[in-house]
Amino acid sequence: MKRRDFIQKTAASSALLGLTNVSLSSFTSVETRKITILHTNDVHSHIDPFPADHPRNANMGGASRRAALIDSIRKEETNVLLLDAGDIFQGTPYFNYYGGELEFKLMSMMQYDLATMGNHDFDNGIDGFYAQLPHAKFDFVSANYDFKNTILHDIVKPYKIFKKGGLKIGVFGLGIELEGLVDKKMYKETVYIDPVEVAQDMARILKEEKKCDLVICLSHIGFNYKNDPNRVSDLSLAKKTKNIDLIIGGHTHTFLDKPVIEKNIEGKEVLINQVGCYGINLGRIDFYFSKDEELKNKGKNIIV
């Protein structure tokens, strides 16, 4: 071997040995990582698909079909989160008879990762909800319901952080004001806190303190209230806060064809999505993270 070749090869070998603790991705100019968010809201105990003669939703929905769709997406994608924005309970005889047991068992079989609470999830009282929690192999989050003096204290947390594909995803929950909507004896000493104030605090903690790459709000406060513009909604929440990347909504049974984009208090984009009700649709939003570009996304709502 010529002396010059030997020196060059030795130098190259030494450089590689010196970088043994650096991953191969460090040599890639643009590394893109993908997170797939699947979500439902206001399923209201609809276990079976609508009958073929239904005037509006013929042959739509059904837990088994949703499970098959979710399973097919999980086979295609590596990093998937499955979330629900509340009102799991009430709407069919299944709830009247089983009290929520069937809903939680089916969601557990579908491997839901997290849910928030809607007003109808109190329909058997806070004690009835608590009694069904052993059937739920997923957690609940709610940041603006203070459960300190109730049976749900330390069980329903304000937020949860997931780690997927080397990324941190922070998810917090918000609920609708229960007074005037739910009988006081059903929610007992649960205290409602202003959702805008709470959302701002949660988003700051998750983005700035916990260093989450993606911050999601699981909301059951409603998409929009045209006849009551002063009422807090997902649209107004996005405008009045910062650090939230995605709001997954519920309560108003709003059927969106695709996510809506709103500007936050800093002029940055916030995605807002809701998939109607009764398990007719499954929401899907793909987020793409790369070192050299801003966060990108692609969303659609899939008919079940």
C-alpha atoms as a PDB file:
ATOM      1  CA  MET A   1       0.000   0.000   0.000  1.00  0.00           C
ATOM      2  CA  LYS A   2       1.313   3.424  -0.884  1.00  0.00           C
ATOM      3  CA  ARG A   3       2.112   5.639   2.076  1.00  0.00           C
ATOM      4  CA  ARG A   4      -0.366   8.340   0.960  1.00  0.00           C
ATOM      5  CA  ASP A   5      -3.255   5.845   0.637  1.00  0.00           C
ATOM      6  CA  PHE A   6      -2.407   4.357   4.003  1.00  0.00           C
ATOM      7  CA  ILE A   7      -2.521   7.760   5.719  1.00  0.00           C
ATOM      8  CA  GLN A   8      -5.854   8.655   4.077  1.00  0.00           C
ATOM      9  CA  LYS A   9      -7.508   5.361   5.060  1.00  0.00           C
ATOM     10  CA  THR A  10      -6.124   5.511   8.595  1.00  0.00           C
ATOM     11  CA  ALA A  11      -7.412   9.064   9.000  1.00  0.00           C
ATOM     12  CA  ALA A  12     -10.875   8.055   7.787  1.00  0.00           C
ATOM     13  CA  SER A  13     -10.946   5.082  10.178  1.00  0.00           C
ATOM     14  CA  SER A  14      -9.941   7.305  13.092  1.00  0.00           C
ATOM     15  CA  ALA A  15     -12.709   9.780  12.261  1.00  0.00           C
ATOM     16  CA  LEU A  16     -15.328   7.011  12.283  1.00  0.00           C
ATOM     17  CA  LEU A  17     -14.005   5.614  15.555  1.00  0.00           C
ATOM     18  CA  GLY A  18     -14.289   9.070  17.081  1.00  0.00           C
ATOM     19  CA  LEU A  19     -17.988   9.214  16.141  1.00  0.00           C
ATOM     20  CA  THR A  20     -19.085   5.859  17.519  1.00  0.00           C
ATOM     21  CA  ASN A  21     -21.638   7.561  19.816  1.00  0.00           C
ATOM     22  CA  VAL A  22     -23.305   9.482  16.988  1.00  0.00           C
ATOM     23  CA  SER A  23     -26.292   7.871  15.261  1.00  0.00           C
ATOM     24  CA  LEU A  24     -26.450   7.469  11.494  1.00  0.00           C
ATOM     25  CA  SER A  25     -29.314   9.975  11.434  1.00  0.00           C
ATOM     26  CA  SER A  26     -26.797  12.664  12.344  1.00  0.00           C
ATOM     27  CA  PHE A  27     -25.350  12.335   8.861  1.00  0.00           C
ATOM     28  CA  THR A  28     -28.727  12.799   7.189  1.00  0.00           C
ATOM     29  CA  SER A  29     -29.403  16.328   6.000  1.00  0.00           C
ATOM     30  CA  VAL A  30     -33.177  16.111   6.571  1.00  0.00           C
ATOM     31  CA  GLU A  31     -34.654  13.450   8.844  1.00  0.00           C
ATOM     32  CA  THR A  32     -38.467  13.355   8.822  1.00  0.00           C
ATOM     33  CA  ARG A  33     -40.439  11.666  11.581  1.00  0.00           C
ATOM     34  CA  LYS A  34     -44.173  11.024  11.393  1.00  0.00           C
ATOM     35  CA  ILE A  35     -46.844  10.865  14.099  1.00  0.00           C
ATOM     36  CA  THR A  36     -50.372   9.692  13.238  1.00  0.00           C
ATOM     37  CA  ILE A  37     -53.212  10.933  15.457  1.00  0.00           C
ATOM     38  CA  LEU A  38     -56.510   9.018  15.235  1.00  0.00           C
ATOM     39  CA  HIS A  39     -59.523  10.322  17.127  1.00  0.00           C
ATOM     40  CA  THR A  40     -63.244  10.061  17.875  1.00  0.00           C
ATOM     41  CA  ASN A  41     -65.773  12.100  19.855  1.00  0.00           C
ATOM     42  CA  ASP A  42     -69.384  11.843  21.007  1.00  0.00           C
ATOM     43  CA  VAL A  43     -69.730   8.152  20.151  1.00  0.00           C
ATOM     44  CA  HIS A  44     -72.645   8.008  22.638  1.00  0.00           C
ATOM     45  CA  SER A  45     -72.701   4.240  23.172  1.00  0.00           C
ATOM     46  CA  HIS A  46     -73.262   3.465  19.481  1.00  0.00           C
ATOM     47  CA  ILE A  47     -71.865  -0.055  19.331  1.00  0.00           C
ATOM     48  CA  ASP A  48     -73.715  -1.341  16.260  1.00  0.00           C
ATOM     49  CA  PRO A  49     -73.678   0.230  12.783  1.00  0.00           C
ATOM     50  CA  PHE A  50     -76.755   2.162  11.711  1.00  0.00           C
ATOM     51  CA  PRO A  51     -79.350  -0.043   9.949  1.00  0.00           C
ATOM     52  CA  ALA A  52     -79.580  -0.141   6.163  1.00  0.00           C
ATOM     53  CA  ASP A  53     -82.894   1.718   6.193  1.00  0.00           C
ATOM     54  CA  HIS A  54     -81.708   4.616   8.348  1.00  0.00           C
ATOM     55  CA  PRO A  55     -82.673   7.909   6.612  1.00  0.00           C
ATOM     56  CA  ARG A  56     -79.348   9.681   7.206  1.00  0.00           C
ATOM     57  CA  ASN A  57     -76.618   7.258   8.312  1.00  0.00           C
ATOM     58  CA  ALA A  58     -77.459   3.987   6.556  1.00  0.00           C
ATOM     59  CA  ASN A  59     -74.839   1.271   7.187  1.00  0.00           C
ATOM     60  CA  MET A  60     -72.453   3.763   8.832  1.00  0.00           C
ATOM     61  CA  GLY A  61     -70.462   3.396  12.019  1.00  0.00           C
ATOM     62  CA  GLY A  62     -70.163   0.389  14.293  1.00  0.00           C
ATOM     63  CA  ALA A  63     -67.442  -0.536  16.782  1.00  0.00           C
ATOM     64  CA  SER A  64     -66.220  -3.584  14.836  1.00  0.00           C
ATOM     65  CA  ARG A  65     -65.744  -1.580  11.643  1.00  0.00           C
ATOM     66  CA  ARG A  66     -63.935   1.176  13.512  1.00  0.00           C
ATOM     67  CA  ALA A  67     -61.676  -1.427  15.124  1.00  0.00           C
ATOM     68  CA  ALA A  68     -60.827  -2.926  11.713  1.00  0.00           C
ATOM     69  CA  LEU A  69     -60.043   0.516  10.289  1.00  0.00           C
ATOM     70  CA  ILE A  70     -57.825   1.426  13.233  1.00  0.00           C
ATOM     71  CA  ASP A  71     -56.033  -1.919  12.967  1.00  0.00           C
ATOM     72  CA  SER A  72     -55.344  -1.420   9.255  1.00  0.00           C
ATOM     73  CA  ILE A  73     -53.836   2.031   9.908  1.00  0.00           C
ATOM     74  CA  ARG A  74     -51.664   0.696  12.721  1.00  0.00           C
ATOM     75  CA  LYS A  75     -50.267  -1.921  10.319  1.00  0.00           C
ATOM     76  CA  GLU A  76     -49.232   0.864   7.941  1.00  0.00           C
ATOM     77  CA  GLU A  77     -47.919   3.397  10.466  1.00  0.00           C
ATOM     78  CA  THR A  78     -45.334   3.034  13.227  1.00  0.00           C
ATOM     79  CA  ASN A  79     -46.233   5.873  15.595  1.00  0.00           C
ATOM     80  CA  VAL A  80     -49.984   6.061  16.243  1.00  0.00           C
ATOM     81  CA  LEU A  81     -52.004   7.687  19.052  1.00  0.00           C
ATOM     82  CA  LEU A  82     -55.739   6.949  19.434  1.00  0.00           C
ATOM     83  CA  LEU A  83     -57.712   9.572  21.379  1.00  0.00           C
ATOM     84  CA  ASP A  84     -61.337  10.331  22.309  1.00  0.00           C
ATOM     85  CA  ALA A  85     -62.830  13.754  23.130  1.00  0.00           C
ATOM     86  CA  GLY A  86     -65.645  12.667  25.432  1.00  0.00           C
ATOM     87  CA  ASP A  87     -69.337  11.718  25.607  1.00  0.00           C
ATOM     88  CA  ILE A  88     -68.520   8.038  25.387  1.00  0.00           C
ATOM     89  CA  PHE A  89     -71.673   7.252  27.380  1.00  0.00           C
ATOM     90  CA  GLN A  90     -75.439   7.575  26.808  1.00  0.00           C
ATOM     91  CA  GLY A  91     -77.420   7.191  23.617  1.00  0.00           C
ATOM     92  CA  THR A  92     -78.370   3.517  23.200  1.00  0.00           C
ATOM     93  CA  PRO A  93     -79.793   0.720  25.415  1.00  0.00           C
ATOM     94  CA  TYR A  94     -76.243  -0.665  25.740  1.00  0.00           C
ATOM     95  CA  PHE A  95     -75.466   2.128  28.185  1.00  0.00           C
ATOM     96  CA  ASN A  96     -78.798   1.835  29.961  1.00  0.00           C
ATOM     97  CA  TYR A  97     -78.196  -1.875  30.552  1.00  0.00           C
ATOM     98  CA  TYR A  98     -74.417  -2.123  31.077  1.00  0.00           C
ATOM     99  CA  GLY A  99     -73.666   1.350  32.474  1.00  0.00           C
ATOM    100  CA  GLY A 100     -70.581   1.959  30.328  1.00  0.00           C
ATOM    101  CA  GLU A 101     -68.853  -1.386  30.832  1.00  0.00           C
ATOM    102  CA  LEU A 102     -69.219  -2.407  27.181  1.00  0.00           C
ATOM    103  CA  GLU A 103     -68.006   0.941  25.844  1.00  0.00           C
ATOM    104  CA  PHE A 104     -64.841   0.866  27.958  1.00  0.00           C
ATOM    105  CA  LYS A 105     -64.125  -2.779  27.156  1.00  0.00           C
ATOM    106  CA  LEU A 106     -64.432  -2.179  23.407  1.00  0.00           C
ATOM    107  CA  MET A 107     -62.261   0.950  23.541  1.00  0.00           C
ATOM    108  CA  SER A 108     -59.671  -1.022  25.489  1.00  0.00           C
ATOM    109  CA  MET A 109     -59.708  -3.738  22.813  1.00  0.00           C
ATOM    110  CA  MET A 110     -59.149  -1.028  20.195  1.00  0.00           C
ATOM    111  CA  GLN A 111     -56.210   0.148  22.339  1.00  0.00           C
ATOM    112  CA  TYR A 112     -57.279   3.721  22.897  1.00  0.00           C
ATOM    113  CA  ASP A 113     -54.428   5.685  24.462  1.00  0.00           C
ATOM    114  CA  LEU A 114     -56.347   8.483  26.180  1.00  0.00           C
ATOM    115  CA  ALA A 115     -59.744  10.187  26.525  1.00  0.00           C
ATOM    116  CA  THR A 116     -61.301  13.221  28.163  1.00  0.00           C
ATOM    117  CA  MET A 117     -64.677  13.466  29.877  1.00  0.00           C
ATOM    118  CA  GLY A 118     -67.846  14.859  28.323  1.00  0.00           C
ATOM    119  CA  ASN A 119     -70.976  15.960  30.155  1.00  0.00           C
ATOM    120  CA  HIS A 120     -72.805  12.698  29.331  1.00  0.00           C
ATOM    121  CA  ASP A 121     -70.027  10.702  30.960  1.00  0.00           C
ATOM    122  CA  PHE A 122     -71.603  11.892  34.234  1.00  0.00           C
ATOM    123  CA  ASP A 123     -75.026  10.461  33.333  1.00  0.00           C
ATOM    124  CA  ASN A 124     -74.679   7.644  35.881  1.00  0.00           C
ATOM    125  CA  GLY A 125     -73.076  10.048  38.306  1.00  0.00           C
ATOM    126  CA  ILE A 126     -69.432  10.429  39.172  1.00  0.00           C
ATOM    127  CA  ASP A 127     -69.684   7.208  41.183  1.00  0.00           C
ATOM    128  CA  GLY A 128     -71.081   5.345  38.168  1.00  0.00           C
ATOM    129  CA  PHE A 129     -68.212   6.565  36.029  1.00  0.00           C
ATOM    130  CA  TYR A 130     -65.699   5.525  38.683  1.00  0.00           C
ATOM    131  CA  ALA A 131     -67.276   2.062  38.938  1.00  0.00           C
ATOM    132  CA  GLN A 132     -66.602   1.401  35.247  1.00  0.00           C
ATOM    133  CA  LEU A 133     -62.946   2.542  35.245  1.00  0.00           C
ATOM    134  CA  PRO A 134     -61.565  -0.986  35.892  1.00  0.00           C
ATOM    135  CA  HIS A 135     -62.818  -1.854  32.386  1.00  0.00           C
ATOM    136  CA  ALA A 136     -60.830   1.003  30.806  1.00  0.00           C
ATOM    137  CA  LYS A 137     -57.229   0.132  29.979  1.00  0.00           C
ATOM    138  CA  PHE A 138     -56.555   3.741  29.058  1.00  0.00           C
ATOM    139  CA  ASP A 139     -56.389   6.965  31.063  1.00  0.00           C
ATOM    140  CA  PHE A 140     -58.594  10.051  31.275  1.00  0.00           C
ATOM    141  CA  VAL A 141     -57.370  13.639  31.375  1.00  0.00           C
ATOM    142  CA  SER A 142     -59.199  16.817  32.371  1.00  0.00           C
ATOM    143  CA  ALA A 143     -57.374  19.982  33.358  1.00  0.00           C
ATOM    144  CA  ASN A 144     -60.311  22.302  34.079  1.00  0.00           C
ATOM    145  CA  TYR A 145     -62.372  19.905  36.202  1.00  0.00           C
ATOM    146  CA  ASP A 146     -61.036  20.050  39.749  1.00  0.00           C
ATOM    147  CA  PHE A 147     -61.831  16.639  41.238  1.00  0.00           C
ATOM    148  CA  LYS A 148     -60.012  17.328  44.512  1.00  0.00           C
ATOM    149  CA  ASN A 149     -63.036  16.628  46.732  1.00  0.00           C
ATOM    150  CA  THR A 150     -64.405  13.735  44.681  1.00  0.00           C
ATOM    151  CA  ILE A 151     -63.772  10.044  44.141  1.00  0.00           C
ATOM    152  CA  LEU A 152     -61.844  10.870  40.923  1.00  0.00           C
ATOM    153  CA  HIS A 153     -59.133  12.842  42.736  1.00  0.00           C
ATOM    154  CA  ASP A 154     -55.671  11.673  41.569  1.00  0.00           C
ATOM    155  CA  ILE A 155     -57.311   9.336  39.024  1.00  0.00           C
ATOM    156  CA  VAL A 156     -58.191  11.802  36.265  1.00  0.00           C
ATOM    157  CA  LYS A 157     -54.995  13.771  35.610  1.00  0.00           C
ATOM    158  CA  PRO A 158     -54.662  17.187  33.911  1.00  0.00           C
ATOM    159  CA  TYR A 159     -52.385  15.876  31.160  1.00  0.00           C
ATOM    160  CA  LYS A 160     -50.361  12.934  29.926  1.00  0.00           C
ATOM    161  CA  ILE A 161     -47.123  12.785  27.923  1.00  0.00           C
ATOM    162  CA  PHE A 162     -46.438  10.098  25.311  1.00  0.00           C
ATOM    163  CA  LYS A 163     -43.115   9.253  23.677  1.00  0.00           C
ATOM    164  CA  LYS A 164     -43.354   8.060  20.078  1.00  0.00           C
ATOM    165  CA  GLY A 165     -40.563   7.805  17.534  1.00  0.00           C
ATOM    166  CA  GLY A 166     -38.193   9.885  19.635  1.00  0.00           C
ATOM    167  CA  LEU A 167     -40.791  12.653  20.016  1.00  0.00           C
ATOM    168  CA  LYS A 168     -42.742  13.865  23.056  1.00  0.00           C
ATOM    169  CA  ILE A 169     -46.486  14.417  22.652  1.00  0.00           C
ATOM    170  CA  GLY A 170     -48.299  16.203  25.471  1.00  0.00           C
ATOM    171  CA  VAL A 171     -52.089  15.862  25.706  1.00  0.00           C
ATOM    172  CA  PHE A 172     -54.362  17.734  28.125  1.00  0.00           C
ATOM    173  CA  GLY A 173     -58.142  17.685  28.518  1.00  0.00           C
ATOM    174  CA  LEU A 174     -60.855  20.355  28.776  1.00  0.00           C
ATOM    175  CA  GLY A 175     -64.534  19.939  29.638  1.00  0.00           C
ATOM    176  CA  ILE A 176     -67.742  21.941  29.223  1.00  0.00           C
ATOM    177  CA  GLU A 177     -69.265  23.801  32.169  1.00  0.00           C
ATOM    178  CA  LEU A 178     -71.488  21.275  33.952  1.00  0.00           C
ATOM    179  CA  GLU A 179     -73.730  23.662  35.886  1.00  0.00           C
ATOM    180  CA  GLY A 180     -77.086  23.930  34.149  1.00  0.00           C
ATOM    181  CA  LEU A 181     -76.210  21.038  31.865  1.00  0.00           C
ATOM    182  CA  VAL A 182     -75.783  18.186  34.361  1.00  0.00           C
ATOM    183  CA  ASP A 183     -77.629  17.635  37.625  1.00  0.00           C
ATOM    184  CA  LYS A 184     -75.416  18.780  40.516  1.00  0.00           C
ATOM    185  CA  LYS A 185     -75.858  15.466  42.327  1.00  0.00           C
ATOM    186  CA  MET A 186     -74.255  13.714  39.332  1.00  0.00           C
ATOM    187  CA  TYR A 187     -70.945  15.608  39.423  1.00  0.00           C
ATOM    188  CA  LYS A 188     -71.013  16.416  43.158  1.00  0.00           C
ATOM    189  CA  GLU A 189     -68.056  18.569  44.274  1.00  0.00           C
ATOM    190  CA  THR A 190     -66.408  18.777  40.840  1.00  0.00           C
ATOM    191  CA  VAL A 191     -65.291  22.378  40.303  1.00  0.00           C
ATOM    192  CA  TYR A 192     -65.283  23.920  36.815  1.00  0.00           C
ATOM    193  CA  ILE A 193     -62.350  26.234  35.965  1.00  0.00           C
ATOM    194  CA  ASP A 194     -62.149  28.669  33.045  1.00  0.00           C
ATOM    195  CA  PRO A 195     -60.850  26.631  30.076  1.00  0.00           C
ATOM    196  CA  VAL A 196     -58.900  29.473  28.413  1.00  0.00           C
ATOM    197  CA  GLU A 197     -56.890  30.193  31.534  1.00  0.00           C
ATOM    198  CA  VAL A 198     -56.237  26.498  32.130  1.00  0.00           C
ATOM    199  CA  ALA A 199     -55.346  25.817  28.489  1.00  0.00           C
ATOM    200  CA  GLN A 200     -52.783  28.603  28.462  1.00  0.00           C
ATOM    201  CA  ASP A 201     -51.147  27.201  31.593  1.00  0.00           C
ATOM    202  CA  MET A 202     -51.222  23.577  30.400  1.00  0.00           C
ATOM    203  CA  ALA A 203     -49.803  24.462  26.982  1.00  0.00           C
ATOM    204  CA  ARG A 204     -46.986  26.451  28.587  1.00  0.00           C
ATOM    205  CA  ILE A 205     -46.081  23.594  30.924  1.00  0.00           C
ATOM    206  CA  LEU A 206     -46.119  20.992  28.137  1.00  0.00           C
ATOM    207  CA  LYS A 207     -44.286  23.041  25.508  1.00  0.00           C
ATOM    208  CA  GLU A 208     -41.827  25.072  27.579  1.00  0.00           C
ATOM    209  CA  GLU A 209     -41.248  23.076  30.771  1.00  0.00           C
ATOM    210  CA  LYS A 210     -41.773  19.514  29.558  1.00  0.00           C
ATOM    211  CA  LYS A 211     -40.298  20.277  26.095  1.00  0.00           C
ATOM    212  CA  CYS A 212     -43.044  18.488  24.167  1.00  0.00           C
ATOM    213  CA  ASP A 213     -42.676  18.468  20.387  1.00  0.00           C
ATOM    214  CA  LEU A 214     -46.456  18.368  19.921  1.00  0.00           C
ATOM    215  CA  VAL A 215     -49.171  19.735  22.241  1.00  0.00           C
ATOM    216  CA  ILE A 216     -52.739  18.446  21.835  1.00  0.00           C
ATOM    217  CA  CYS A 217     -55.879  19.673  23.578  1.00  0.00           C
ATOM    218  CA  LEU A 218     -58.630  17.062  23.952  1.00  0.00           C
ATOM    219  CA  SER A 219     -61.622  19.373  24.184  1.00  0.00           C
ATOM    220  CA  HIS A 220     -65.260  18.816  25.046  1.00  0.00           C
ATOM    221  CA  ILE A 221     -66.234  22.497  25.036  1.00  0.00           C
ATOM    222  CA  GLY A 222     -67.723  22.705  21.508  1.00  0.00           C
ATOM    223  CA  PHE A 223     -66.461  23.785  18.085  1.00  0.00           C
ATOM    224  CA  ASN A 224     -68.214  27.150  17.697  1.00  0.00           C
ATOM    225  CA  TYR A 225     -71.239  29.080  18.987  1.00  0.00           C
ATOM    226  CA  LYS A 226     -72.379  31.544  16.310  1.00  0.00           C
ATOM    227  CA  ASN A 227     -75.365  32.713  18.346  1.00  0.00           C
ATOM    228  CA  ASP A 228     -73.282  33.174  21.497  1.00  0.00           C
ATOM    229  CA  PRO A 229     -69.897  34.608  20.426  1.00  0.00           C
ATOM    230  CA  ASN A 230     -68.813  35.248  24.029  1.00  0.00           C
ATOM    231  CA  ARG A 231     -69.032  31.563  24.889  1.00  0.00           C
ATOM    232  CA  VAL A 232     -65.727  29.699  24.916  1.00  0.00           C
ATOM    233  CA  SER A 233     -65.339  27.319  21.965  1.00  0.00           C
ATOM    234  CA  ASP A 234     -62.509  25.505  20.222  1.00  0.00           C
ATOM    235  CA  LEU A 235     -62.206  28.353  17.703  1.00  0.00           C
ATOM    236  CA  SER A 236     -62.010  31.069  20.360  1.00  0.00           C
ATOM    237  CA  LEU A 237     -59.684  28.947  22.503  1.00  0.00           C
ATOM    238  CA  ALA A 238     -57.219  28.656  19.609  1.00  0.00           C
ATOM    239  CA  LYS A 239     -57.269  32.444  19.076  1.00  0.00           C
ATOM    240  CA  LYS A 240     -56.728  33.308  22.749  1.00  0.00           C
ATOM    241  CA  THR A 241     -53.872  30.905  23.551  1.00  0.00           C
ATOM    242  CA  LYS A 242     -50.450  29.811  22.327  1.00  0.00           C
ATOM    243  CA  ASN A 243     -48.324  26.640  22.267  1.00  0.00           C
ATOM    244  CA  ILE A 244     -51.262  24.400  21.234  1.00  0.00           C
ATOM    245  CA  ASP A 245     -50.685  22.559  17.949  1.00  0.00           C
ATOM    246  CA  LEU A 246     -53.941  20.602  17.692  1.00  0.00           C
ATOM    247  CA  ILE A 247     -57.408  20.830  19.270  1.00  0.00           C
ATOM    248  CA  ILE A 248     -59.476  17.649  18.995  1.00  0.00           C
ATOM    249  CA  GLY A 249     -63.020  18.689  19.769  1.00  0.00           C
ATOM    250  CA  GLY A 250     -66.360  17.320  20.862  1.00  0.00           C
ATOM    251  CA  HIS A 251     -69.753  18.245  22.336  1.00  0.00           C
ATOM    252  CA  THR A 252     -71.334  20.124  19.383  1.00  0.00           C
ATOM    253  CA  HIS A 253     -71.463  17.072  17.053  1.00  0.00           C
ATOM    254  CA  THR A 254     -69.778  19.122  14.320  1.00  0.00           C
ATOM    255  CA  PHE A 255     -69.056  17.177  11.139  1.00  0.00           C
ATOM    256  CA  LEU A 256     -65.921  18.620   9.551  1.00  0.00           C
ATOM    257  CA  ASP A 257     -64.646  17.317   6.206  1.00  0.00           C
ATOM    258  CA  LYS A 258     -61.103  18.092   7.285  1.00  0.00           C
ATOM    259  CA  PRO A 259     -59.338  19.992  10.069  1.00  0.00           C
ATOM    260  CA  VAL A 260     -59.855  23.764  10.304  1.00  0.00           C
ATOM    261  CA  ILE A 261     -56.866  26.077  10.668  1.00  0.00           C
ATOM    262  CA  GLU A 262     -57.026  29.018  13.098  1.00  0.00           C
ATOM    263  CA  LYS A 263     -54.310  31.521  14.093  1.00  0.00           C
ATOM    264  CA  ASN A 264     -53.310  31.687  17.749  1.00  0.00           C
ATOM    265  CA  ILE A 265     -52.422  34.769  19.783  1.00  0.00           C
ATOM    266  CA  GLU A 266     -48.929  34.791  18.206  1.00  0.00           C
ATOM    267  CA  GLY A 267     -50.228  34.340  14.657  1.00  0.00           C
ATOM    268  CA  LYS A 268     -49.168  30.678  14.478  1.00  0.00           C
ATOM    269  CA  GLU A 269     -51.419  27.993  13.019  1.00  0.00           C
ATOM    270  CA  VAL A 270     -53.565  25.739  15.224  1.00  0.00           C
ATOM    271  CA  LEU A 271     -55.363  22.723  13.795  1.00  0.00           C
ATOM    272  CA  ILE A 272     -58.921  22.088  15.019  1.00  0.00           C
ATOM    273  CA  ASN A 273     -60.845  18.926  14.194  1.00  0.00           C
ATOM    274  CA  GLN A 274     -64.101  17.213  15.159  1.00  0.00           C
ATOM    275  CA  VAL A 275     -65.703  14.166  13.574  1.00  0.00           C
ATOM    276  CA  GLY A 276     -69.400  14.638  14.319  1.00  0.00           C
ATOM    277  CA  CYS A 277     -70.857  11.898  16.489  1.00  0.00           C
ATOM    278  CA  TYR A 278     -71.985   8.262  16.907  1.00  0.00           C
ATOM    279  CA  GLY A 279     -68.753   6.725  15.573  1.00  0.00           C
ATOM    280  CA  ILE A 280     -69.685   7.559  11.991  1.00  0.00           C
ATOM    281  CA  ASN A 281     -66.259   9.074  11.276  1.00  0.00           C
ATOM    282  CA  LEU A 282     -62.688   8.485  12.395  1.00  0.00           C
ATOM    283  CA  GLY A 283     -60.398  11.486  12.428  1.00  0.00           C
ATOM    284  CA  ARG A 284     -56.842  11.154  11.151  1.00  0.00           C
ATOM    285  CA  ILE A 285     -54.080  13.756  11.271  1.00  0.00           C
ATOM    286  CA  ASP A 286     -50.478  13.022  10.276  1.00  0.00           C
ATOM    287  CA  PHE A 287     -47.762  15.296  11.645  1.00  0.00           C
ATOM    288  CA  TYR A 288     -44.346  15.427   9.984  1.00  0.00           C
ATOM    289  CA  PHE A 289     -41.323  16.616  11.959  1.00  0.00           C
ATOM    290  CA  SER A 290     -38.006  17.511  10.340  1.00  0.00           C
ATOM    291  CA  LYS A 291     -34.920  19.324  11.599  1.00  0.00           C
ATOM    292  CA  ASP A 292     -34.713  21.810   8.742  1.00  0.00           C
ATOM    293  CA  GLU A 293     -38.389  22.706   8.288  1.00  0.00           C
ATOM    294  CA  GLU A 294     -41.402  23.770  10.337  1.00  0.00           C
ATOM    295  CA  LEU A 295     -43.952  21.233  11.563  1.00  0.00           C
ATOM    296  CA  LYS A 296     -46.161  20.017   8.703  1.00  0.00           C
ATOM    297  CA  ASN A 297     -49.423  18.124   8.791  1.00  0.00           C
ATOM    298  CA  LYS A 298     -52.046  16.406   6.693  1.00  0.00           C
ATOM    299  CA  GLY A 299     -55.540  15.613   7.957  1.00  0.00           C
ATOM    300  CA  LYS A 300     -58.740  13.932   6.843  1.00  0.00           C
ATOM    301  CA  ASN A 301     -61.882  12.466   8.370  1.00  0.00           C
ATOM    302  CA  ILE A 302     -62.662   8.900   7.338  1.00  0.00           C
ATOM    303  CA  ILE A 303     -66.219   7.581   7.051  1.00  0.00           C
ATOM    304  CA  VAL A 304     -66.589   4.310   8.960  1.00  0.00           C
END
